[in-house]
PDB file of N, CA and C in Angstrom:
ATOM      1  N   MET A   1      11.965   0.189 -31.326  1.00  0.00           N
ATOM      2  CA  MET A   1      10.834   0.514 -30.824  1.00  0.00           C
ATOM      3  C   MET A   1      10.636  -0.559 -29.845  1.00  0.00           C
ATOM      4  N   ARG A   2      10.440  -1.759 -30.194  1.00  0.00           N
ATOM      5  CA  ARG A   2      10.046  -2.893 -29.257  1.00  0.00           C
ATOM      6  C   ARG A   2      11.119  -2.779 -28.171  1.00  0.00           C
ATOM      7  N   ALA A   3      12.812  -2.705 -28.438  1.00  0.00           N
ATOM      8  CA  ALA A   3      13.555  -2.930 -27.131  1.00  0.00           C
ATOM      9  C   ALA A   3      13.560  -1.336 -26.234  1.00  0.00           C
ATOM     10  N   ARG A   4      13.004  -0.600 -27.043  1.00  0.00           N
ATOM     11  CA  ARG A   4      12.677   0.572 -26.082  1.00  0.00           C
ATOM     12  C   ARG A   4      11.457   0.449 -24.970  1.00  0.00           C
ATOM     13  N   LYS A   5      10.768  -0.300 -25.311  1.00  0.00           N
ATOM     14  CA  LYS A   5       9.454  -0.727 -24.455  1.00  0.00           C
ATOM     15  C   LYS A   5       9.885  -1.769 -23.718  1.00  0.00           C
ATOM     16  N   LEU A   6      10.708  -2.584 -23.913  1.00  0.00           N
ATOM     17  CA  LEU A   6      11.302  -3.886 -22.908  1.00  0.00           C
ATOM     18  C   LEU A   6      12.124  -3.099 -21.883  1.00  0.00           C
ATOM     19  N   ALA A   7      12.964  -2.106 -22.422  1.00  0.00           N
ATOM     20  CA  ALA A   7      13.644  -1.427 -21.344  1.00  0.00           C
ATOM     21  C   ALA A   7      12.577  -0.637 -20.329  1.00  0.00           C
ATOM     22  N   VAL A   8      11.801   0.111 -20.810  1.00  0.00           N
ATOM     23  CA  VAL A   8      10.869   0.969 -20.026  1.00  0.00           C
ATOM     24  C   VAL A   8      10.401  -0.257 -18.943  1.00  0.00           C
ATOM     25  N   ALA A   9       9.888  -0.893 -19.295  1.00  0.00           N
ATOM     26  CA  ALA A   9       9.072  -1.866 -18.637  1.00  0.00           C
ATOM     27  C   ALA A   9      10.006  -2.543 -17.578  1.00  0.00           C
ATOM     28  N   CYS A  10      11.328  -3.006 -17.818  1.00  0.00           N
ATOM     29  CA  CYS A  10      12.124  -3.463 -16.912  1.00  0.00           C
ATOM     30  C   CYS A  10      12.514  -2.475 -15.979  1.00  0.00           C
ATOM     31  N   LEU A  11      12.379  -1.266 -16.299  1.00  0.00           N
ATOM     32  CA  LEU A  11      12.743   0.021 -15.578  1.00  0.00           C
ATOM     33  C   LEU A  11      11.764   0.098 -14.393  1.00  0.00           C
ATOM     34  N   ILE A  12      10.606   0.073 -14.757  1.00  0.00           N
ATOM     35  CA  ILE A  12       9.589   0.146 -14.288  1.00  0.00           C
ATOM     36  C   ILE A  12       9.536  -1.103 -13.160  1.00  0.00           C
ATOM     37  N   ALA A  13       9.536  -2.268 -13.554  1.00  0.00           N
ATOM     38  CA  ALA A  13       9.416  -3.561 -12.918  1.00  0.00           C
ATOM     39  C   ALA A  13      10.616  -3.072 -11.526  1.00  0.00           C
ATOM     40  N   GLY A  14      11.859  -2.918 -11.942  1.00  0.00           N
ATOM     41  CA  GLY A  14      12.987  -2.533 -11.093  1.00  0.00           C
ATOM     42  C   GLY A  14      12.239  -1.640 -10.091  1.00  0.00           C
ATOM     43  N   SER A  15      11.826  -0.374 -10.359  1.00  0.00           N
ATOM     44  CA  SER A  15      11.535   0.715  -9.411  1.00  0.00           C
ATOM     45  C   SER A  15      10.304   0.122  -8.664  1.00  0.00           C
ATOM     46  N   ALA A  16       9.543  -0.907  -9.173  1.00  0.00           N
ATOM     47  CA  ALA A  16       8.264  -1.369  -8.222  1.00  0.00           C
ATOM     48  C   ALA A  16       9.010  -2.377  -7.387  1.00  0.00           C
ATOM     49  N   VAL A  17       9.767  -3.353  -7.339  1.00  0.00           N
ATOM     50  CA  VAL A  17      10.513  -4.257  -6.442  1.00  0.00           C
ATOM     51  C   VAL A  17      11.401  -3.419  -5.394  1.00  0.00           C
ATOM     52  N   ALA A  18      12.011  -2.286  -5.913  1.00  0.00           N
ATOM     53  CA  ALA A  18      12.863  -1.119  -4.826  1.00  0.00           C
ATOM     54  C   ALA A  18      12.023  -0.832  -4.217  1.00  0.00           C
ATOM     55  N   VAL A  19      10.879  -0.340  -4.368  1.00  0.00           N
ATOM     56  CA  VAL A  19       9.733   0.464  -3.429  1.00  0.00           C
ATOM     57  C   VAL A  19       9.262  -0.415  -2.542  1.00  0.00           C
ATOM     58  N   THR A  20       8.827  -1.516  -2.861  1.00  0.00           N
ATOM     59  CA  THR A  20       8.062  -2.379  -2.098  1.00  0.00           C
ATOM     60  C   THR A  20       8.838  -3.414  -1.403  1.00  0.00           C
ATOM     61  N   GLY A  21       9.845  -3.438  -1.326  1.00  0.00           N
ATOM     62  CA  GLY A  21      10.962  -4.400  -0.418  1.00  0.00           C
ATOM     63  C   GLY A  21      11.259  -5.462  -0.998  1.00  0.00           C
ATOM     64  N   GLY A  22      10.844  -5.790  -2.448  1.00  0.00           N
ATOM     65  CA  GLY A  22      11.130  -7.329  -3.086  1.00  0.00           C
ATOM     66  C   GLY A  22      10.404  -8.198  -2.592  1.00  0.00           C
ATOM     67  N   PRO A  23      11.107  -9.661  -3.175  1.00  0.00           N
ATOM     68  CA  PRO A  23      10.482 -10.730  -2.773  1.00  0.00           C
ATOM     69  C   PRO A  23      10.395 -11.060  -1.187  1.00  0.00           C
ATOM     70  N   ALA A  24      11.222 -10.502  -0.133  1.00  0.00           N
ATOM     71  CA  ALA A  24      11.358 -10.587   1.243  1.00  0.00           C
ATOM     72  C   ALA A  24       9.861 -10.166   1.533  1.00  0.00           C
ATOM     73  N   ALA A  25       9.509  -9.099   1.458  1.00  0.00           N
ATOM     74  CA  ALA A  25       8.149  -8.637   2.072  1.00  0.00           C
ATOM     75  C   ALA A  25       7.167  -9.158   1.697  1.00  0.00           C
ATOM     76  N   ALA A  26       6.817  -9.847   0.479  1.00  0.00           N
ATOM     77  CA  ALA A  26       5.734 -10.735   0.254  1.00  0.00           C
ATOM     78  C   ALA A  26       5.878 -12.021   1.077  1.00  0.00           C
ATOM     79  N   SER A  27       7.429 -12.419   0.950  1.00  0.00           N
ATOM     80  CA  SER A  27       7.458 -13.454   2.321  1.00  0.00           C
ATOM     81  C   SER A  27       6.821 -13.194   3.993  1.00  0.00           C
ATOM     82  N   GLU A  28       7.346 -12.352   4.041  1.00  0.00           N
ATOM     83  CA  GLU A  28       7.053 -11.862   5.364  1.00  0.00           C
ATOM     84  C   GLU A  28       5.650 -11.645   6.007  1.00  0.00           C
ATOM     85  N   ALA A  29       4.779 -11.152   4.619  1.00  0.00           N
ATOM     86  CA  ALA A  29       3.219 -10.814   5.073  1.00  0.00           C
ATOM     87  C   ALA A  29       2.721 -13.055   5.183  1.00  0.00           C
ATOM     88  N   THR A  30       3.444 -13.809   4.508  1.00  0.00           N
ATOM     89  CA  THR A  30       2.544 -14.944   5.083  1.00  0.00           C
ATOM     90  C   THR A  30       3.284 -15.870   6.081  1.00  0.00           C
ATOM     91  N   THR A  31       4.014 -15.149   7.014  1.00  0.00           N
ATOM     92  CA  THR A  31       4.643 -15.838   8.076  1.00  0.00           C
ATOM     93  C   THR A  31       4.464 -15.047   9.085  1.00  0.00           C
ATOM     94  N   GLN A  32       3.282 -14.177   9.411  1.00  0.00           N
ATOM     95  CA  GLN A  32       2.991 -13.346  10.282  1.00  0.00           C
ATOM     96  C   GLN A  32       2.507 -14.307  11.495  1.00  0.00           C
ATOM     97  N   GLY A  33       2.122 -15.346  11.316  1.00  0.00           N
ATOM     98  CA  GLY A  33       1.416 -16.089  12.642  1.00  0.00           C
ATOM     99  C   GLY A  33       0.127 -16.736  12.704  1.00  0.00           C
ATOM    100  N   ALA A  34      -0.129 -17.495  13.560  1.00  0.00           N
ATOM    101  CA  ALA A  34      -1.750 -17.918  13.163  1.00  0.00           C
ATOM    102  C   ALA A  34      -2.198 -18.028  14.645  1.00  0.00           C
ATOM    103  N   TRP A  35      -3.703 -18.256  14.840  1.00  0.00           N
ATOM    104  CA  TRP A  35      -4.460 -18.841  16.035  1.00  0.00           C
ATOM    105  C   TRP A  35      -4.400 -20.507  16.031  1.00  0.00           C
ATOM    106  N   MET A  36      -4.227 -20.691  17.331  1.00  0.00           N
ATOM    107  CA  MET A  36      -4.121 -21.907  17.604  1.00  0.00           C
ATOM    108  C   MET A  36      -4.337 -22.442  19.038  1.00  0.00           C
ATOM    109  N   VAL A  37      -5.253 -23.360  19.219  1.00  0.00           N
ATOM    110  CA  VAL A  37      -5.329 -24.002  20.589  1.00  0.00           C
ATOM    111  C   VAL A  37      -4.293 -24.592  21.261  1.00  0.00           C
ATOM    112  N   TYR A  38      -3.992 -23.573  22.409  1.00  0.00           N
ATOM    113  CA  TYR A  38      -2.965 -24.015  23.332  1.00  0.00           C
ATOM    114  C   TYR A  38      -3.319 -25.461  24.577  1.00  0.00           C
ATOM    115  N   ALA A  39      -4.291 -25.251  25.157  1.00  0.00           N
ATOM    116  CA  ALA A  39      -4.943 -26.374  25.837  1.00  0.00           C
ATOM    117  C   ALA A  39      -6.525 -26.484  25.807  1.00  0.00           C
ATOM    118  N   SER A  40      -6.879 -27.494  26.295  1.00  0.00           N
ATOM    119  CA  SER A  40      -8.534 -27.573  26.222  1.00  0.00           C
ATOM    120  C   SER A  40      -8.730 -27.968  27.806  1.00  0.00           C
ATOM    121  N   TYR A  41      -9.866 -27.876  28.318  1.00  0.00           N
ATOM    122  CA  TYR A  41     -10.065 -27.719  29.731  1.00  0.00           C
ATOM    123  C   TYR A  41     -11.369 -28.095  29.917  1.00  0.00           C
ATOM    124  N   PRO A  42     -12.090 -29.075  30.551  1.00  0.00           N
ATOM    125  CA  PRO A  42     -13.512 -29.531  30.569  1.00  0.00           C
ATOM    126  C   PRO A  42     -14.326 -28.369  30.713  1.00  0.00           C
ATOM    127  N   ASN A  43     -15.932 -28.670  30.213  1.00  0.00           N
ATOM    128  CA  ASN A  43     -16.877 -27.374  30.211  1.00  0.00           C
ATOM    129  C   ASN A  43     -17.419 -27.729  31.845  1.00  0.00           C
ATOM    130  N   THR A  44     -16.819 -27.218  32.671  1.00  0.00           N
ATOM    131  CA  THR A  44     -17.466 -26.760  34.216  1.00  0.00           C
ATOM    132  C   THR A  44     -16.557 -25.383  34.412  1.00  0.00           C
ATOM    133  N   LEU A  45     -17.576 -25.357  35.473  1.00  0.00           N
ATOM    134  CA  LEU A  45     -16.758 -23.876  36.111  1.00  0.00           C
ATOM    135  C   LEU A  45     -15.192 -23.800  36.391  1.00  0.00           C
ATOM    136  N   GLN A  46     -15.140 -25.032  36.813  1.00  0.00           N
ATOM    137  CA  GLN A  46     -13.388 -25.117  37.375  1.00  0.00           C
ATOM    138  C   GLN A  46     -12.468 -25.006  36.069  1.00  0.00           C
ATOM    139  N   GLY A  47     -12.911 -25.753  35.070  1.00  0.00           N
ATOM    140  CA  GLY A  47     -12.390 -25.755  33.681  1.00  0.00           C
ATOM    141  C   GLY A  47     -12.249 -24.290  32.969  1.00  0.00           C
ATOM    142  N   TRP A  48     -13.526 -23.321  33.323  1.00  0.00           N
ATOM    143  CA  TRP A  48     -13.407 -22.145  32.859  1.00  0.00           C
ATOM    144  C   TRP A  48     -12.505 -21.066  33.600  1.00  0.00           C
ATOM    145  N   ARG A  49     -12.624 -21.351  34.800  1.00  0.00           N
ATOM    146  CA  ARG A  49     -11.282 -20.664  35.946  1.00  0.00           C
ATOM    147  C   ARG A  49      -9.974 -21.218  35.532  1.00  0.00           C
ATOM    148  N   ASP A  50      -9.637 -22.256  35.080  1.00  0.00           N
ATOM    149  CA  ASP A  50      -8.600 -22.904  35.002  1.00  0.00           C
ATOM    150  C   ASP A  50      -7.826 -22.505  33.527  1.00  0.00           C
ATOM    151  N   CYS A  51      -8.895 -22.241  32.380  1.00  0.00           N
ATOM    152  CA  CYS A  51      -8.481 -21.532  31.052  1.00  0.00           C
ATOM    153  C   CYS A  51      -8.012 -20.305  31.285  1.00  0.00           C
ATOM    154  N   GLY A  52      -9.158 -19.320  32.298  1.00  0.00           N
ATOM    155  CA  GLY A  52      -9.052 -18.301  32.425  1.00  0.00           C
ATOM    156  C   GLY A  52      -7.527 -17.694  33.040  1.00  0.00           C
ATOM    157  N   ASN A  53      -7.097 -18.637  33.830  1.00  0.00           N
ATOM    158  CA  ASN A  53      -5.916 -18.374  34.792  1.00  0.00           C
ATOM    159  C   ASN A  53      -4.605 -18.850  33.890  1.00  0.00           C
ATOM    160  N   ALA A  54      -4.633 -19.630  32.869  1.00  0.00           N
ATOM    161  CA  ALA A  54      -3.751 -20.053  31.955  1.00  0.00           C
ATOM    162  C   ALA A  54      -3.781 -19.317  30.747  1.00  0.00           C
ATOM    163  N   SER A  55      -4.558 -18.285  30.620  1.00  0.00           N
ATOM    164  CA  SER A  55      -4.643 -17.300  29.485  1.00  0.00           C
ATOM    165  C   SER A  55      -3.450 -16.216  29.802  1.00  0.00           C
ATOM    166  N   VAL A  56      -3.575 -16.117  31.029  1.00  0.00           N
ATOM    167  CA  VAL A  56      -2.367 -14.604  31.127  1.00  0.00           C
ATOM    168  C   VAL A  56      -1.020 -14.794  30.946  1.00  0.00           C
ATOM    169  N   ASN A  57      -0.509 -16.229  30.368  1.00  0.00           N
ATOM    170  CA  ASN A  57       0.629 -17.047  30.246  1.00  0.00           C
ATOM    171  C   ASN A  57       0.695 -16.953  28.542  1.00  0.00           C
ATOM    172  N   VAL A  58      -0.330 -16.699  27.772  1.00  0.00           N
ATOM    173  CA  VAL A  58      -0.480 -17.196  26.314  1.00  0.00           C
ATOM    174  C   VAL A  58      -0.708 -15.813  25.713  1.00  0.00           C
ATOM    175  N   TYR A  59       0.235 -15.319  24.628  1.00  0.00           N
ATOM    176  CA  TYR A  59      -0.088 -13.859  24.008  1.00  0.00           C
ATOM    177  C   TYR A  59      -1.395 -13.797  23.310  1.00  0.00           C
ATOM    178  N   LYS A  60      -2.030 -12.798  23.567  1.00  0.00           N
ATOM    179  CA  LYS A  60      -3.266 -13.029  22.909  1.00  0.00           C
ATOM    180  C   LYS A  60      -4.320 -13.963  23.674  1.00  0.00           C
ATOM    181  N   GLY A  61      -4.088 -14.842  24.716  1.00  0.00           N
ATOM    182  CA  GLY A  61      -4.861 -15.791  25.282  1.00  0.00           C
ATOM    183  C   GLY A  61      -6.497 -15.452  25.311  1.00  0.00           C
ATOM    184  N   HIS A  62      -7.360 -16.133  24.875  1.00  0.00           N
ATOM    185  CA  HIS A  62      -8.967 -16.075  25.439  1.00  0.00           C
ATOM    186  C   HIS A  62      -9.429 -17.488  25.583  1.00  0.00           C
ATOM    187  N   CYS A  63     -10.368 -17.796  26.070  1.00  0.00           N
ATOM    188  CA  CYS A  63     -10.989 -18.977  26.210  1.00  0.00           C
ATOM    189  C   CYS A  63     -12.258 -18.864  25.385  1.00  0.00           C
ATOM    190  N   LYS A  64     -12.700 -20.028  24.718  1.00  0.00           N
ATOM    191  CA  LYS A  64     -13.733 -20.065  23.895  1.00  0.00           C
ATOM    192  C   LYS A  64     -14.203 -21.597  24.087  1.00  0.00           C
ATOM    193  N   LEU A  65     -15.689 -21.749  24.257  1.00  0.00           N
ATOM    194  CA  LEU A  65     -16.315 -22.929  24.341  1.00  0.00           C
ATOM    195  C   LEU A  65     -16.122 -23.571  23.145  1.00  0.00           C
ATOM    196  N   ASN A  66     -15.923 -25.069  23.429  1.00  0.00           N
ATOM    197  CA  ASN A  66     -15.185 -25.814  21.828  1.00  0.00           C
ATOM    198  C   ASN A  66     -16.569 -25.917  20.741  1.00  0.00           C
ATOM    199  N   SER A  67     -16.375 -25.357  19.662  1.00  0.00           N
ATOM    200  CA  SER A  67     -17.725 -25.164  19.020  1.00  0.00           C
ATOM    201  C   SER A  67     -18.512 -26.548  18.143  1.00  0.00           C
ATOM    202  N   ASP A  68     -17.393 -27.564  18.278  1.00  0.00           N
ATOM    203  CA  ASP A  68     -17.838 -28.969  17.567  1.00  0.00           C
ATOM    204  C   ASP A  68     -18.646 -29.834  18.778  1.00  0.00           C
ATOM    205  N   THR A  69     -18.064 -29.979  20.141  1.00  0.00           N
ATOM    206  CA  THR A  69     -18.680 -30.624  21.152  1.00  0.00           C
ATOM    207  C   THR A  69     -19.388 -30.256  22.315  1.00  0.00           C
ATOM    208  N   SER A  70     -18.755 -28.852  22.243  1.00  0.00           N
ATOM    209  CA  SER A  70     -19.075 -28.056  23.968  1.00  0.00           C
ATOM    210  C   SER A  70     -18.856 -28.994  24.855  1.00  0.00           C
ATOM    211  N   ASN A  71     -17.883 -30.185  24.785  1.00  0.00           N
ATOM    212  CA  ASN A  71     -17.663 -30.625  25.911  1.00  0.00           C
ATOM    213  C   ASN A  71     -16.366 -29.828  26.521  1.00  0.00           C
ATOM    214  N   SER A  72     -15.839 -28.925  25.931  1.00  0.00           N
ATOM    215  CA  SER A  72     -14.640 -28.529  26.317  1.00  0.00           C
ATOM    216  C   SER A  72     -14.712 -27.328  26.167  1.00  0.00           C
ATOM    217  N   VAL A  73     -13.574 -26.695  26.982  1.00  0.00           N
ATOM    218  CA  VAL A  73     -13.086 -25.079  26.956  1.00  0.00           C
ATOM    219  C   VAL A  73     -11.742 -24.891  26.475  1.00  0.00           C
ATOM    220  N   ASP A  74     -11.840 -24.523  25.064  1.00  0.00           N
ATOM    221  CA  ASP A  74      -9.973 -23.993  24.553  1.00  0.00           C
ATOM    222  C   ASP A  74      -9.583 -22.941  24.940  1.00  0.00           C
ATOM    223  N   LEU A  75      -8.238 -22.923  25.112  1.00  0.00           N
ATOM    224  CA  LEU A  75      -7.375 -21.677  25.201  1.00  0.00           C
ATOM    225  C   LEU A  75      -6.931 -21.821  23.941  1.00  0.00           C
ATOM    226  N   TRP A  76      -7.099 -20.383  23.397  1.00  0.00           N
ATOM    227  CA  TRP A  76      -7.096 -19.908  22.048  1.00  0.00           C
ATOM    228  C   TRP A  76      -5.776 -19.112  22.279  1.00  0.00           C
ATOM    229  N   GLY A  77      -4.768 -19.034  21.246  1.00  0.00           N
ATOM    230  CA  GLY A  77      -3.512 -17.799  21.617  1.00  0.00           C
ATOM    231  C   GLY A  77      -3.192 -17.473  20.246  1.00  0.00           C
ATOM    232  N   TRP A  78      -2.253 -16.431  19.996  1.00  0.00           N
ATOM    233  CA  TRP A  78      -1.770 -16.081  18.490  1.00  0.00           C
ATOM    234  C   TRP A  78       0.031 -16.879  18.791  1.00  0.00           C
ATOM    235  N   ARG A  79       0.403 -17.650  17.522  1.00  0.00           N
ATOM    236  CA  ARG A  79       1.441 -17.569  17.778  1.00  0.00           C
ATOM    237  C   ARG A  79       2.344 -17.222  16.581  1.00  0.00           C
ATOM    238  N   SER A  80       3.082 -16.642  16.852  1.00  0.00           N
ATOM    239  CA  SER A  80       3.718 -15.825  15.511  1.00  0.00           C
ATOM    240  C   SER A  80       5.037 -16.257  15.105  1.00  0.00           C
TER     241      SER A  80
END
């Protein structure tokens, strides 16, 4: 009886791995990417313009005021 339960448990576990794609699927989810600061510009009108122009070259690029010091404008983008 115990061997039968173990065999059924292994069969179910094997089916779950086959359906979900196994360990490779789990590792792909953790390596999708992250947000990062590509450049910083002074918090001036020209700094905002420069950041806006540079954001075109960065995937999902956008400019945000640095929340720690408010002395700079940071160009954020998505790195995969």
